[in-house]
Amino acid sequence: MIKNIIVSVIAVSGVFPATVIADAEKKTAAELMQAVDGRYEGDTSLITLKVLLIDKDNNRNQRNTQVVSKTFSDVKKSATFITHPPRIQGTGFLSYDWASLAEQNESWIYLPDLRKVTRLSTANRGDYFLGSDFSYGDLEGLEVHDFTFSYSTAAEPTKDGLILVLAEPRADKRKQVIDIYGYEKISYWIDTDKQMIVRAKYWLDDNGWIKYYKASNIREFSGVWVAQKEQMILTQHNKKVHSTVMTVESVSINENVNDGVFTTYGLEKGRL
C-alpha cells in the first residue's frame, strides 16, 4: 500500500544520471513501486507530529497528532489520534491494511462530538481528513494493484538522482479506481536507495485541481527512514488553495505497543 504519511513544488531542468537510470531499469516500474510499498517501517512505530494547516490567505491552524502502527503476520494496523486543540482532541482514525488481496482493507473514524465510531466506506477514501490536504486514501495508502506504472526519463527530470515513476489507474477498472482515490494520474519521484517517495504530483478528478507532495529532512531511526517534514499543497489552475505541513517531534521504533489501541474500543478512548 503506497503511503506518504508517517502521510512545495520543485521544478528543475536537467537529465537523470545514467547510472541511476541503469539501476532502476533492473526493476520494472511496478517492481520498484512494490519495493517502495514493502520497505521496512519497523515492527511497531510511534510518531508524534505537529500538523499545520495553511489557507490561501496564510491563516494557520495547528494540530498535534500521534500516529502508532504495528505489523502483524497478516495485517498492518495504524491508528492516528488528535491530541490538540481541545475542540477536536480525541478524534481518531484506525486502518487495517491486509496482506492478502482477498481481504478488503478497513478503516474507521471516531469523532468525540458524536461519541461514535463510524466505519468508512470505499466511497469515503477520496474525502479529506479533518481539513487537511491528505485524504483518507492518502492515510490508508494507495493499493499498488489498482494502478499501472511506467518510467519516465523525459518529463520533469530532477537534478538529484530521483527516479520518476508515472502511475495511472488500471484500464480494466479505471472509473472504479478514480472514484475510490480521486486521482486521474500520479507522478512519483523515488529515492531508490531509501525506497521512499520523496515527491509526488496528484492530478485530481476535478479539472484544474492538482496536489503536490514533498518529503524532506529524511533521517534514519533504528533502521527505518523517516521524513522529518512532509508537505501537501492543493492548487487550482496553478494557484495555491491550501497546504498541510507535518513536522515530526519524536519517533519510537520497535517499542512495545498495546494491541488494544488497534480496536474500535481503543479508538473511542481517543488516545494511546
Protein backbone atom coordinates (compact mmCIF):
# COMPACT_ATOMS: atom_id res chain seq x y z
CA MET A 1 0.00 0.00 0.00
CA ILE A 2 1.69 3.19 -1.21
CA LYS A 3 1.65 5.66 1.66
CA ASN A 4 3.22 9.09 2.12
CA ILE A 5 2.22 9.86 5.68
CA ILE A 6 4.25 8.51 8.50
CA VAL A 7 1.03 10.54 5.31
CA SER A 8 6.37 22.68 -2.00
CA VAL A 9 6.80 22.18 -5.58
CA ILE A 10 10.23 21.81 -7.18
CA ALA A 11 10.61 22.04 -10.93
CA VAL A 12 14.17 21.60 -12.18
CA SER A 13 15.62 21.23 -15.65
CA GLY A 14 18.18 18.53 -16.41
CA VAL A 15 18.51 14.80 -17.04
CA PHE A 16 18.71 11.69 -14.88
CA PRO A 17 22.24 10.42 -14.25
CA ALA A 18 22.82 7.39 -16.48
CA THR A 19 23.92 5.20 -13.56
CA VAL A 20 20.70 5.90 -11.65
CA ILE A 21 18.54 5.05 -14.65
CA ALA A 22 20.51 1.86 -15.22
CA ASP A 23 19.94 0.78 -11.60
CA ALA A 24 16.21 1.48 -11.83
CA GLU A 25 15.88 -0.42 -15.09
CA LYS A 26 16.95 -3.60 -13.31
CA LYS A 27 13.40 -3.49 -11.95
CA THR A 28 10.24 -2.71 -13.83
CA ALA A 29 8.40 0.38 -12.62
CA ALA A 30 5.82 -1.90 -10.99
CA GLU A 31 8.57 -3.86 -9.21
CA LEU A 32 10.12 -0.64 -7.95
CA MET A 33 6.79 0.53 -6.54
CA GLN A 34 6.27 -2.88 -4.94
CA ALA A 35 9.65 -2.42 -3.25
CA VAL A 36 8.63 1.04 -2.05
CA ASP A 37 5.34 -0.38 -0.80
CA GLY A 38 7.09 -3.20 1.04
CA ARG A 39 10.00 -1.27 2.56
CA TYR A 40 10.78 -1.92 6.21
CA GLU A 41 8.97 0.53 8.51
CA GLY A 42 9.60 -1.23 11.81
CA ASP A 43 7.55 -3.91 13.54
CA THR A 44 6.00 -1.07 15.54
CA SER A 45 6.31 2.71 15.34
CA LEU A 46 5.06 5.67 17.33
CA ILE A 47 5.46 9.11 15.79
CA THR A 48 4.39 12.43 17.29
CA LEU A 49 3.63 15.19 14.78
CA LYS A 50 2.77 18.84 14.57
CA VAL A 51 0.32 19.43 11.72
CA LEU A 52 0.00 22.95 10.33
CA LEU A 53 -2.96 23.86 8.11
CA ILE A 54 -2.46 26.96 5.95
CA ASP A 55 -5.17 28.52 3.78
CA LYS A 56 -4.73 30.74 0.72
CA ASP A 57 -4.72 33.87 2.92
CA ASN A 58 -1.94 32.37 5.07
CA ASN A 59 -4.25 31.81 8.04
CA ARG A 60 -2.83 28.99 10.13
CA ASN A 61 -4.23 26.32 12.42
CA GLN A 62 -2.06 23.82 14.27
CA ARG A 63 -2.90 20.32 15.41
CA ASN A 64 -0.85 17.86 17.42
CA THR A 65 -1.11 14.24 16.37
CA GLN A 66 0.14 10.79 17.37
CA VAL A 67 0.44 8.01 14.81
CA VAL A 68 1.03 4.45 16.02
CA SER A 69 1.34 1.32 13.87
CA LYS A 70 2.12 -2.36 14.23
CA THR A 71 2.77 -5.06 11.66
CA PHE A 72 1.18 -8.44 12.35
CA SER A 73 1.65 -11.62 10.31
CA ASP A 74 -1.31 -10.88 8.04
CA VAL A 75 -2.10 -7.19 8.51
CA LYS A 76 -0.61 -3.81 9.30
CA LYS A 77 -2.69 -1.75 11.72
CA SER A 78 -2.36 2.01 12.18
CA ALA A 79 -4.10 4.48 14.49
CA THR A 80 -3.97 8.28 14.37
CA PHE A 81 -5.09 10.43 17.30
CA ILE A 82 -5.53 14.21 17.51
CA THR A 83 -4.18 15.45 20.87
CA HIS A 84 -4.62 19.22 20.32
CA PRO A 85 -6.54 21.57 20.02
CA PRO A 86 -9.15 20.74 22.71
CA ARG A 87 -12.14 21.16 20.39
CA ILE A 88 -11.12 18.12 18.32
CA GLN A 89 -8.93 16.34 20.87
CA GLY A 90 -9.64 12.61 20.89
CA THR A 91 -10.55 12.39 17.21
CA GLY A 92 -9.12 9.13 15.91
CA PHE A 93 -8.58 7.25 12.67
CA LEU A 94 -7.92 3.50 12.52
CA SER A 95 -6.93 1.46 9.45
CA TYR A 96 -6.20 -2.19 8.69
CA ASP A 97 -4.01 -2.92 5.67
CA TRP A 98 -4.45 -6.64 4.97
CA ALA A 99 -1.61 -8.52 3.29
CA SER A 100 -3.98 -10.72 1.30
CA LEU A 101 -5.61 -9.18 -1.77
CA ALA A 102 -8.65 -11.29 -0.94
CA GLU A 103 -9.19 -9.19 2.19
CA GLN A 104 -10.83 -5.77 1.91
CA ASN A 105 -8.83 -3.12 3.77
CA GLU A 106 -10.79 -1.49 6.57
CA SER A 107 -10.86 1.90 8.27
CA TRP A 108 -12.83 3.71 10.96
CA ILE A 109 -13.04 7.26 12.34
CA TYR A 110 -14.08 8.39 15.81
CA LEU A 111 -15.49 11.90 16.35
CA PRO A 112 -15.77 12.85 20.04
CA ASP A 113 -18.67 15.25 19.45
CA LEU A 114 -20.75 12.37 18.12
CA ARG A 115 -19.29 9.81 20.55
CA LYS A 116 -19.49 7.32 17.74
CA VAL A 117 -17.13 5.16 15.70
CA THR A 118 -18.00 5.20 12.00
CA ARG A 119 -16.70 2.65 9.54
CA LEU A 120 -15.55 4.34 6.35
CA SER A 121 -16.77 3.00 3.06
CA THR A 122 -14.75 2.78 -0.14
CA ALA A 123 -16.54 5.91 -1.34
CA ASN A 124 -15.12 7.91 1.61
CA ARG A 125 -11.45 7.37 0.69
CA GLY A 126 -11.29 10.47 -1.51
CA ASP A 127 -12.59 12.69 1.31
CA TYR A 128 -10.13 14.87 3.24
CA PHE A 129 -9.12 14.16 6.83
CA LEU A 130 -10.22 16.96 9.19
CA GLY A 131 -9.46 19.92 6.97
CA SER A 132 -6.02 18.71 5.88
CA ASP A 133 -4.87 18.15 2.30
CA PHE A 134 -4.44 14.42 2.93
CA SER A 135 -7.40 12.26 2.00
CA TYR A 136 -8.39 9.12 3.89
CA GLY A 137 -6.98 7.24 0.89
CA ASP A 138 -3.64 9.00 1.40
CA LEU A 139 -3.62 7.99 5.06
CA GLU A 140 -4.61 4.41 4.32
CA GLY A 141 -2.32 4.22 1.31
CA LEU A 142 -2.95 3.54 -2.37
CA GLU A 143 -3.07 -0.10 -3.39
CA VAL A 144 -0.31 -0.97 -5.89
CA HIS A 145 -2.51 -3.45 -7.74
CA ASP A 146 -5.03 -0.68 -8.55
CA PHE A 147 -2.50 1.12 -10.77
CA THR A 148 -0.16 0.55 -13.71
CA PHE A 149 3.35 2.05 -13.52
CA SER A 150 5.88 3.21 -16.07
CA TYR A 151 9.22 5.03 -16.04
CA SER A 152 9.77 8.48 -17.46
CA THR A 153 13.19 9.95 -18.25
CA ALA A 154 11.88 13.00 -20.08
CA ALA A 155 9.00 14.54 -18.12
CA GLU A 156 10.05 16.84 -15.29
CA PRO A 157 13.51 15.29 -14.65
CA THR A 158 15.35 16.04 -11.44
CA LYS A 159 18.92 17.01 -10.71
CA ASP A 160 19.17 14.94 -7.53
CA GLY A 161 19.14 11.41 -8.91
CA LEU A 162 15.50 10.58 -8.22
CA ILE A 163 13.59 8.22 -10.49
CA LEU A 164 10.28 9.41 -11.89
CA VAL A 165 7.51 6.82 -12.00
CA LEU A 166 4.13 7.51 -13.59
CA ALA A 167 1.04 5.85 -12.11
CA GLU A 168 -2.35 5.54 -13.77
CA PRO A 169 -5.50 3.66 -12.73
CA ARG A 170 -5.69 0.21 -14.29
CA ALA A 171 -7.52 0.36 -17.59
CA ASP A 172 -9.86 -2.50 -16.67
CA LYS A 173 -11.19 -0.64 -13.62
CA ARG A 174 -10.21 2.97 -14.28
CA LYS A 175 -13.50 4.57 -13.22
CA GLN A 176 -13.67 2.47 -10.07
CA VAL A 177 -10.12 3.40 -9.01
CA ILE A 178 -10.67 7.11 -9.73
CA ASP A 179 -13.91 7.01 -7.73
CA ILE A 180 -12.07 5.43 -4.78
CA TYR A 181 -8.98 7.66 -4.64
CA GLY A 182 -10.00 10.74 -6.62
CA TYR A 183 -6.82 10.71 -8.77
CA GLU A 184 -6.67 10.51 -12.56
CA LYS A 185 -2.90 10.01 -12.54
CA ILE A 186 0.11 10.42 -10.24
CA SER A 187 3.82 11.11 -10.67
CA TYR A 188 6.16 9.72 -8.00
CA TRP A 189 9.79 10.78 -7.54
CA ILE A 190 11.55 7.84 -5.87
CA ASP A 191 14.77 7.70 -3.86
CA THR A 192 15.81 4.18 -4.87
CA ASP A 193 18.42 3.86 -2.11
CA LYS A 194 15.88 4.51 0.63
CA GLN A 195 12.95 3.10 -1.39
CA MET A 196 10.92 6.17 -0.49
CA ILE A 197 8.62 8.60 -2.23
CA VAL A 198 10.35 11.97 -1.97
CA ARG A 199 7.96 13.99 -4.12
CA ALA A 200 4.65 13.36 -5.83
CA LYS A 201 2.16 15.13 -8.06
CA TYR A 202 -1.51 14.12 -8.00
CA TRP A 203 -3.96 15.08 -10.75
CA LEU A 204 -7.41 15.15 -9.13
CA ASP A 205 -10.60 14.06 -10.83
CA ASP A 206 -11.66 17.69 -10.95
CA ASN A 207 -10.43 19.86 -13.82
CA GLY A 208 -7.56 22.16 -12.85
CA TRP A 209 -7.01 20.71 -9.37
CA ILE A 210 -3.54 19.28 -8.57
CA LYS A 211 -1.82 18.30 -5.31
CA TYR A 212 1.94 18.39 -4.72
CA TYR A 213 3.72 16.35 -2.07
CA LYS A 214 7.26 16.72 -0.73
CA ALA A 215 9.21 14.84 1.97
CA SER A 216 12.34 16.40 3.45
CA ASN A 217 14.83 16.14 6.34
CA ILE A 218 14.89 12.35 6.00
CA ARG A 219 16.63 10.61 8.91
CA GLU A 220 17.20 7.01 9.95
CA PHE A 221 15.75 5.70 13.22
CA SER A 222 16.60 2.10 14.18
CA GLY A 223 16.97 1.11 10.55
CA VAL A 224 13.82 2.95 9.41
CA TRP A 225 13.94 6.05 7.19
CA VAL A 226 11.53 8.75 8.37
CA ALA A 227 10.78 12.10 6.74
CA GLN A 228 11.03 14.77 9.44
CA LYS A 229 8.86 17.05 7.35
CA GLU A 230 6.06 16.35 4.86
CA GLN A 231 4.08 18.88 2.89
CA MET A 232 1.00 18.63 0.69
CA ILE A 233 -0.10 21.62 -1.38
CA LEU A 234 -3.52 21.81 -3.03
CA THR A 235 -3.76 24.03 -6.12
CA GLN A 236 -6.45 25.06 -8.58
CA HIS A 237 -5.33 26.26 -12.02
CA ASN A 238 -1.76 26.68 -10.69
CA LYS A 239 -2.85 28.82 -7.73
CA LYS A 240 -2.33 27.64 -4.16
CA VAL A 241 -5.59 26.99 -2.35
CA HIS A 242 -4.44 25.26 0.82
CA SER A 243 -1.47 23.39 2.26
CA THR A 244 -0.65 21.00 5.09
CA VAL A 245 2.79 20.76 6.72
CA MET A 246 3.59 17.87 9.06
CA THR A 247 6.69 18.09 11.25
CA VAL A 248 7.96 15.15 13.32
CA GLU A 249 8.55 15.82 17.01
CA SER A 250 9.51 12.32 18.18
CA VAL A 251 9.99 8.82 16.76
CA SER A 252 9.99 5.45 18.54
CA ILE A 253 10.65 2.29 16.53
CA ASN A 254 10.09 -1.30 17.73
CA GLU A 255 8.88 -0.32 21.19
CA ASN A 256 6.09 -2.23 22.93
CA VAL A 257 2.62 -1.21 21.72
CA ASN A 258 -0.65 -2.25 23.34
CA ASP A 259 -2.66 -4.18 20.74
CA GLY A 260 -5.85 -2.77 22.25
CA VAL A 261 -5.02 0.56 20.58
CA PHE A 262 -5.91 -1.02 17.23
CA THR A 263 -9.55 -1.75 18.07
CA THR A 264 -12.69 0.36 17.78
CA TYR A 265 -12.79 0.44 21.60
CA GLY A 266 -9.24 1.76 21.63
CA LEU A 267 -10.29 4.33 19.04
CA GLU A 268 -13.08 5.54 21.33
CA LYS A 269 -10.54 6.22 24.10
CA GLY A 270 -9.10 8.88 21.80
CA ARG A 271 -5.51 8.44 22.96
CA LEU A 272 -2.72 5.88 23.34
